[in-house]
C-alpha atoms as a PDB file:
ATOM      1  CA  MET A   1      50.819  -1.184 -23.814  1.00  0.00           C
ATOM      2  CA  GLY A   2      49.288   2.046 -25.064  1.00  0.00           C
ATOM      3  CA  ARG A   3      48.060   4.770 -22.787  1.00  0.00           C
ATOM      4  CA  LEU A   4      44.535   4.252 -21.466  1.00  0.00           C
ATOM      5  CA  VAL A   5      42.363   7.336 -22.027  1.00  0.00           C
ATOM      6  CA  PRO A   6      39.095   7.669 -20.073  1.00  0.00           C
ATOM      7  CA  PRO A   7      36.061   9.229 -21.776  1.00  0.00           C
ATOM      8  CA  THR A   8      35.035  12.797 -21.067  1.00  0.00           C
ATOM      9  CA  ASN A   9      33.693  13.464 -17.585  1.00  0.00           C
ATOM     10  CA  PHE A  10      34.581   9.969 -16.428  1.00  0.00           C
ATOM     11  CA  GLY A  11      34.267   9.454 -12.703  1.00  0.00           C
ATOM     12  CA  LEU A  12      33.726   6.866  -9.983  1.00  0.00           C
ATOM     13  CA  VAL A  13      30.297   7.104  -8.361  1.00  0.00           C
ATOM     14  CA  GLU A  14      30.651   4.098  -6.084  1.00  0.00           C
ATOM     15  CA  GLU A  15      32.702   0.939  -6.187  1.00  0.00           C
ATOM     16  CA  GLY A  16      31.783  -0.705  -9.481  1.00  0.00           C
ATOM     17  CA  LEU A  17      29.599   2.197 -10.644  1.00  0.00           C
ATOM     18  CA  TYR A  18      31.025   4.733 -13.090  1.00  0.00           C
ATOM     19  CA  ARG A  19      29.772   7.754 -14.997  1.00  0.00           C
ATOM     20  CA  SER A  20      30.946   9.421 -18.195  1.00  0.00           C
ATOM     21  CA  GLY A  21      30.110  10.986 -21.492  1.00  0.00           C
ATOM     22  CA  GLN A  22      29.931   8.887 -24.638  1.00  0.00           C
ATOM     23  CA  PRO A  23      33.288   7.232 -25.380  1.00  0.00           C
ATOM     24  CA  THR A  24      35.080   7.538 -28.681  1.00  0.00           C
ATOM     25  CA  GLU A  25      37.391   4.927 -30.168  1.00  0.00           C
ATOM     26  CA  ILE A  26      40.397   6.245 -28.261  1.00  0.00           C
ATOM     27  CA  ASN A  27      38.540   5.455 -25.044  1.00  0.00           C
ATOM     28  CA  PHE A  28      37.551   1.886 -25.929  1.00  0.00           C
ATOM     29  CA  PRO A  29      40.653   0.207 -24.438  1.00  0.00           C
ATOM     30  CA  PHE A  30      39.965   2.034 -21.153  1.00  0.00           C
ATOM     31  CA  ILE A  31      36.300   0.983 -21.186  1.00  0.00           C
ATOM     32  CA  GLU A  32      37.300  -2.602 -21.904  1.00  0.00           C
ATOM     33  CA  LYS A  33      39.441  -2.645 -18.742  1.00  0.00           C
ATOM     34  CA  LEU A  34      36.369  -1.838 -16.627  1.00  0.00           C
ATOM     35  CA  GLN A  35      34.867  -5.264 -17.485  1.00  0.00           C
ATOM     36  CA  LEU A  36      31.391  -3.773 -17.577  1.00  0.00           C
ATOM     37  CA  LYS A  37      28.252  -5.836 -17.237  1.00  0.00           C
ATOM     38  CA  ALA A  38      25.925  -3.011 -18.283  1.00  0.00           C
ATOM     39  CA  VAL A  39      25.810   0.444 -19.828  1.00  0.00           C
ATOM     40  CA  VAL A  40      22.841   2.653 -18.889  1.00  0.00           C
ATOM     41  CA  TRP A  41      22.240   5.331 -21.551  1.00  0.00           C
ATOM     42  CA  VAL A  42      20.131   8.263 -20.287  1.00  0.00           C
ATOM     43  CA  ALA A  43      20.313  10.568 -23.326  1.00  0.00           C
ATOM     44  CA  PRO A  44      17.500  10.975 -25.879  1.00  0.00           C
ATOM     45  CA  GLU A  45      19.842  10.897 -28.860  1.00  0.00           C
ATOM     46  CA  GLU A  46      21.260   7.720 -30.326  1.00  0.00           C
ATOM     47  CA  PRO A  47      24.890   6.904 -29.461  1.00  0.00           C
ATOM     48  CA  SER A  48      27.391   6.355 -32.219  1.00  0.00           C
ATOM     49  CA  GLU A  49      27.195   3.216 -34.308  1.00  0.00           C
ATOM     50  CA  ARG A  50      30.841   2.510 -33.494  1.00  0.00           C
ATOM     51  CA  PHE A  51      30.143   2.572 -29.747  1.00  0.00           C
ATOM     52  CA  LEU A  52      27.175   0.229 -30.135  1.00  0.00           C
ATOM     53  CA  GLN A  53      29.358  -2.130 -32.156  1.00  0.00           C
ATOM     54  CA  PHE A  54      31.992  -2.020 -29.432  1.00  0.00           C
ATOM     55  CA  LEU A  55      29.414  -2.967 -26.789  1.00  0.00           C
ATOM     56  CA  THR A  56      28.074  -5.799 -28.924  1.00  0.00           C
ATOM     57  CA  SER A  57      31.531  -7.174 -29.682  1.00  0.00           C
ATOM     58  CA  HIS A  58      32.304  -7.272 -25.948  1.00  0.00           C
ATOM     59  CA  SER A  59      28.884  -8.651 -24.977  1.00  0.00           C
ATOM     60  CA  ILE A  60      28.085  -5.634 -22.800  1.00  0.00           C
ATOM     61  CA  PRO A  61      24.305  -5.183 -22.369  1.00  0.00           C
ATOM     62  CA  PHE A  62      23.083  -1.737 -23.375  1.00  0.00           C
ATOM     63  CA  HIS A  63      20.078  -0.074 -21.709  1.00  0.00           C
ATOM     64  CA  PRO A  64      18.646   3.110 -23.296  1.00  0.00           C
ATOM     65  CA  VAL A  65      16.134   4.370 -20.735  1.00  0.00           C
ATOM     66  CA  CYS A  66      14.994   7.637 -22.296  1.00  0.00           C
ATOM     67  CA  PRO A  67      11.437   7.412 -23.699  1.00  0.00           C
ATOM     68  CA  PRO A  68      11.567   7.082 -27.490  1.00  0.00           C
ATOM     69  CA  SER A  69      10.033   9.691 -29.743  1.00  0.00           C
ATOM     70  CA  HIS A  70       6.608   8.807 -31.102  1.00  0.00           C
ATOM     71  CA  HIS A  71       7.696  10.042 -34.509  1.00  0.00           C
ATOM     72  CA  HIS A  72      10.893   8.088 -35.107  1.00  0.00           C
ATOM     73  CA  PRO A  73      12.260   4.548 -35.004  1.00  0.00           C
ATOM     74  CA  THR A  74      13.879   3.595 -31.700  1.00  0.00           C
ATOM     75  CA  PHE A  75      16.318   1.185 -30.166  1.00  0.00           C
ATOM     76  CA  ASN A  76      13.428  -1.233 -29.827  1.00  0.00           C
ATOM     77  CA  ASN A  77      13.903  -1.885 -33.542  1.00  0.00           C
ATOM     78  CA  HIS A  78      17.629  -2.573 -33.229  1.00  0.00           C
ATOM     79  CA  SER A  79      19.057  -6.010 -33.508  1.00  0.00           C
ATOM     80  CA  ASN A  80      21.550  -7.229 -30.924  1.00  0.00           C
ATOM     81  CA  ASN A  81      24.458  -6.103 -33.092  1.00  0.00           C
ATOM     82  CA  GLY A  82      23.487  -2.479 -32.463  1.00  0.00           C
ATOM     83  CA  ALA A  83      22.628  -1.796 -36.097  1.00  0.00           C
ATOM     84  CA  GLY A  84      19.787   0.400 -37.200  1.00  0.00           C
ATOM     85  CA  GLY A  85      18.820   4.033 -37.203  1.00  0.00           C
ATOM     86  CA  GLY A  86      16.542   6.036 -35.027  1.00  0.00           C
ATOM     87  CA  GLY A  87      15.632   9.348 -33.531  1.00  0.00           C
ATOM     88  CA  TYR A  88      15.009  10.439 -29.981  1.00  0.00           C
ATOM     89  CA  LEU A  89      13.599  13.417 -28.212  1.00  0.00           C
ATOM     90  CA  ASP A  90      15.513  16.690 -28.251  1.00  0.00           C
ATOM     91  CA  PRO A  91      18.719  16.129 -26.196  1.00  0.00           C
ATOM     92  CA  SER A  92      18.554  19.702 -24.904  1.00  0.00           C
ATOM     93  CA  ASN A  93      15.315  18.981 -23.048  1.00  0.00           C
ATOM     94  CA  PRO A  94      15.621  18.335 -19.305  1.00  0.00           C
ATOM     95  CA  ILE A  95      15.519  14.719 -18.203  1.00  0.00           C
ATOM     96  CA  ASP A  96      12.106  13.522 -17.074  1.00  0.00           C
ATOM     97  CA  GLU A  97      10.957  11.563 -14.051  1.00  0.00           C
ATOM     98  CA  PRO A  98      10.217   8.207 -15.767  1.00  0.00           C
ATOM     99  CA  THR A  99      13.709   8.202 -17.289  1.00  0.00           C
ATOM    100  CA  VAL A 100      15.346   8.826 -13.915  1.00  0.00           C
ATOM    101  CA  ILE A 101      13.224   6.131 -12.258  1.00  0.00           C
ATOM    102  CA  ALA A 102      14.084   3.642 -14.997  1.00  0.00           C
ATOM    103  CA  ALA A 103      17.792   4.433 -14.685  1.00  0.00           C
ATOM    104  CA  LEU A 104      17.758   4.111 -10.903  1.00  0.00           C
ATOM    105  CA  HIS A 105      15.996   0.786 -11.205  1.00  0.00           C
ATOM    106  CA  LEU A 106      18.897  -0.514 -13.289  1.00  0.00           C
ATOM    107  CA  LEU A 107      21.507   0.999 -10.980  1.00  0.00           C
ATOM    108  CA  LEU A 108      19.938  -0.600  -7.909  1.00  0.00           C
ATOM    109  CA  LYS A 109      19.276  -4.069  -9.272  1.00  0.00           C
ATOM    110  CA  PRO A 110      22.048  -6.570  -8.408  1.00  0.00           C
ATOM    111  CA  GLY A 111      24.036  -8.604 -10.863  1.00  0.00           C
ATOM    112  CA  ASN A 112      24.903  -5.759 -13.194  1.00  0.00           C
ATOM    113  CA  TYR A 113      28.091  -4.340 -11.752  1.00  0.00           C
ATOM    114  CA  PRO A 114      30.491  -3.038 -12.914  1.00  0.00           C
ATOM    115  CA  CYS A 115      28.087  -0.565 -14.524  1.00  0.00           C
ATOM    116  CA  LEU A 116      28.549   2.664 -16.476  1.00  0.00           C
ATOM    117  CA  VAL A 117      25.828   5.338 -16.624  1.00  0.00           C
ATOM    118  CA  MET A 118      26.249   7.947 -19.339  1.00  0.00           C
ATOM    119  CA  CYS A 119      24.817  10.527 -21.685  1.00  0.00           C
ATOM    120  CA  GLY A 120      26.388  12.439 -24.548  1.00  0.00           C
ATOM    121  CA  LEU A 121      28.761  14.583 -22.479  1.00  0.00           C
ATOM    122  CA  GLY A 122      28.237  13.047 -19.041  1.00  0.00           C
ATOM    123  CA  ARG A 123      27.117  16.346 -17.562  1.00  0.00           C
ATOM    124  CA  HIS A 124      23.444  17.113 -17.133  1.00  0.00           C
ATOM    125  CA  ARG A 125      21.397  13.962 -17.582  1.00  0.00           C
ATOM    126  CA  THR A 126      24.006  11.720 -16.021  1.00  0.00           C
ATOM    127  CA  GLY A 127      24.503  14.265 -13.253  1.00  0.00           C
ATOM    128  CA  THR A 128      20.778  14.402 -12.550  1.00  0.00           C
ATOM    129  CA  VAL A 129      20.513  10.605 -12.302  1.00  0.00           C
ATOM    130  CA  VAL A 130      23.528  10.450 -10.010  1.00  0.00           C
ATOM    131  CA  GLY A 131      22.103  13.303  -7.927  1.00  0.00           C
ATOM    132  CA  CYS A 132      18.861  11.378  -7.412  1.00  0.00           C
ATOM    133  CA  LEU A 133      20.862   8.286  -6.501  1.00  0.00           C
ATOM    134  CA  ARG A 134      22.637  10.377  -3.869  1.00  0.00           C
ATOM    135  CA  LYS A 135      19.255  11.351  -2.428  1.00  0.00           C
ATOM    136  CA  LEU A 136      18.508   7.656  -2.026  1.00  0.00           C
ATOM    137  CA  GLN A 137      21.843   7.375  -0.246  1.00  0.00           C
ATOM    138  CA  ARG A 138      20.795  10.226   2.096  1.00  0.00           C
ATOM    139  CA  TRP A 139      23.478  12.657   0.996  1.00  0.00           C
ATOM    140  CA  SER A 140      22.912  16.262   1.988  1.00  0.00           C
ATOM    141  CA  LEU A 141      21.533  18.498  -0.771  1.00  0.00           C
ATOM    142  CA  SER A 142      24.601  20.748  -0.639  1.00  0.00           C
ATOM    143  CA  SER A 143      26.904  17.761  -1.256  1.00  0.00           C
ATOM    144  CA  ILE A 144      24.691  16.482  -4.077  1.00  0.00           C
ATOM    145  CA  LEU A 145      24.658  19.832  -5.862  1.00  0.00           C
ATOM    146  CA  GLU A 146      28.398  20.302  -5.362  1.00  0.00           C
ATOM    147  CA  GLU A 147      28.996  17.006  -7.162  1.00  0.00           C
ATOM    148  CA  TYR A 148      26.587  17.939  -9.964  1.00  0.00           C
ATOM    149  CA  ARG A 149      28.292  21.319 -10.443  1.00  0.00           C
ATOM    150  CA  ARG A 150      31.753  19.760 -10.463  1.00  0.00           C
ATOM    151  CA  TYR A 151      30.894  17.814 -13.609  1.00  0.00           C
ATOM    152  CA  ALA A 152      28.634  20.442 -15.195  1.00  0.00           C
ATOM    153  CA  GLY A 153      31.276  23.149 -14.904  1.00  0.00           C
ATOM    154  CA  ALA A 154      30.168  26.519 -16.243  1.00  0.00           C
ATOM    155  CA  LYS A 155      27.095  24.950 -17.859  1.00  0.00           C
ATOM    156  CA  VAL A 156      25.100  24.294 -14.687  1.00  0.00           C
ATOM    157  CA  ARG A 157      21.367  24.051 -15.385  1.00  0.00           C
ATOM    158  CA  ILE A 158      19.105  25.332 -12.631  1.00  0.00           C
ATOM    159  CA  LEU A 159      16.246  23.115 -13.821  1.00  0.00           C
ATOM    160  CA  ASN A 160      18.373  20.039 -13.189  1.00  0.00           C
ATOM    161  CA  GLU A 161      19.263  21.213  -9.699  1.00  0.00           C
ATOM    162  CA  GLN A 162      15.591  21.864  -8.974  1.00  0.00           C
ATOM    163  CA  PHE A 163      14.704  18.428 -10.306  1.00  0.00           C
ATOM    164  CA  ILE A 164      17.202  16.790  -7.947  1.00  0.00           C
ATOM    165  CA  GLU A 165      15.999  18.860  -4.998  1.00  0.00           C
ATOM    166  CA  LEU A 166      12.343  18.032  -5.613  1.00  0.00           C
ATOM    167  CA  PHE A 167      12.787  14.391  -6.638  1.00  0.00           C
ATOM    168  CA  ASP A 168      10.616  12.176  -4.454  1.00  0.00           C
ATOM    169  CA  ILE A 169      12.615   9.120  -3.397  1.00  0.00           C
ATOM    170  CA  ASP A 170       9.350   7.443  -2.396  1.00  0.00           C
ATOM    171  CA  LEU A 171       8.788   6.943  -6.138  1.00  0.00           C
ATOM    172  CA  ILE A 172      11.392   4.197  -5.934  1.00  0.00           C
ATOM    173  CA  SER A 173      10.048   0.970  -4.489  1.00  0.00           C
ATOM    174  CA  ILE A 174      12.837  -1.460  -3.619  1.00  0.00           C
ATOM    175  CA  ARG A 175      11.740  -5.042  -3.267  1.00  0.00           C
ATOM    176  CA  PRO A 176      13.174  -8.528  -3.893  1.00  0.00           C
ATOM    177  CA  PHE A 177      13.507  -9.695  -7.485  1.00  0.00           C
ATOM    178  CA  ASP A 178      14.419 -13.333  -6.859  1.00  0.00           C
ATOM    179  CA  GLN A 179      16.516 -15.407  -4.497  1.00  0.00           C
ATOM    180  CA  ASP A 180      19.777 -14.625  -6.251  1.00  0.00           C
ATOM    181  CA  ASP A 181      19.081 -11.069  -7.353  1.00  0.00           C
ATOM    182  CA  HIS A 182      17.672  -8.634  -4.808  1.00  0.00           C
ATOM    183  CA  THR A 183      18.295  -5.238  -3.301  1.00  0.00           C
ATOM    184  CA  ASP A 184      17.540  -4.056   0.196  1.00  0.00           C
ATOM    185  CA  ALA A 185      17.422  -0.596   1.694  1.00  0.00           C
ATOM    186  CA  ASP A 186      20.796  -0.977   3.416  1.00  0.00           C
ATOM    187  CA  GLU A 187      22.524  -1.229   0.032  1.00  0.00           C
ATOM    188  CA  LEU A 188      21.432   2.297  -0.827  1.00  0.00           C
ATOM    189  CA  HIS A 189      23.954   3.658   1.644  1.00  0.00           C
ATOM    190  CA  GLY A 190      26.743   1.837  -0.130  1.00  0.00           C
ATOM    191  CA  VAL A 191      26.464   0.938  -3.779  1.00  0.00           C
ATOM    192  CA  GLY A 192      23.538   0.205  -6.070  1.00  0.00           C
ATOM    193  CA  THR A 193      23.610  -2.581  -8.636  1.00  0.00           C
ATOM    194  CA  GLY A 194      22.092  -3.379 -11.995  1.00  0.00           C
ATOM    195  CA  VAL A 195      21.082  -6.103 -14.445  1.00  0.00           C
ATOM    196  CA  GLY A 196      21.851  -7.333 -17.921  1.00  0.00           C
ATOM    197  CA  GLY A 197      19.532  -6.849 -20.858  1.00  0.00           C
ATOM    198  CA  GLN A 198      19.126  -5.952 -24.496  1.00  0.00           C
ATOM    199  CA  HIS A 199      18.570  -2.801 -26.562  1.00  0.00           C
ATOM    200  CA  THR A 200      15.114  -1.925 -25.221  1.00  0.00           C
ATOM    201  CA  TYR A 201      13.445   0.959 -23.495  1.00  0.00           C
ATOM    202  CA  THR A 202      13.315  -0.013 -19.832  1.00  0.00           C
ATOM    203  CA  GLY A 203      11.054   2.686 -18.449  1.00  0.00           C
ATOM    204  CA  GLN A 204       8.517   0.117 -17.281  1.00  0.00           C
ATOM    205  CA  SER A 205      11.000  -2.338 -15.767  1.00  0.00           C
ATOM    206  CA  GLN A 206       9.724  -4.736 -13.151  1.00  0.00           C
ATOM    207  CA  GLY A 207      10.595  -3.773  -9.598  1.00  0.00           C
ATOM    208  CA  VAL A 208       9.985  -0.047  -9.804  1.00  0.00           C
ATOM    209  CA  ALA A 209       6.713   1.322  -8.525  1.00  0.00           C
ATOM    210  CA  TYR A 210       5.246   4.488 -10.099  1.00  0.00           C
ATOM    211  CA  ARG A 211       3.086   6.053  -7.406  1.00  0.00           C
END
């Protein structure tokens, strides 16, 4: 058996929840071993065609949650095989609140684990989403920022740290989805969960209240 190589900035967030940057082909055997039920993509740019093909061939639902640009095609136009082109907002822009809320919705909804949340390099956008998840888990701010900085390295972005600090966890409304698929507040102190789906923008997913 060949050596398994994790993608850049790969890490365990909670049992069954992972984070990373976008995998390349050398990482695919490692990703396959995770037996993922969902990938949550929080970057504005489109992932590689080869990665989308890998997800499709392994029947792994893909969830791009960043709002699409109004001036370009989006993942909403993609078929289930991951084909198609598109453009997204500038990846250097800070992550916005609707994107974080949409991502957290997927990370907290049961039935989706094991789950991988990622952006291009697995640093800033992924780190911000994980930081807001930690707020839901009642981590101290110092511990949250230490984790963010560990993955960001020398490229820490103050705006992301401020976003995490100011993020209002009351924006997340956790309520039952159905008899077999629900989340309660106690689960926030352990591990969140997610759901399956297709290549669509999930910013308005059911179960998340925008207040």
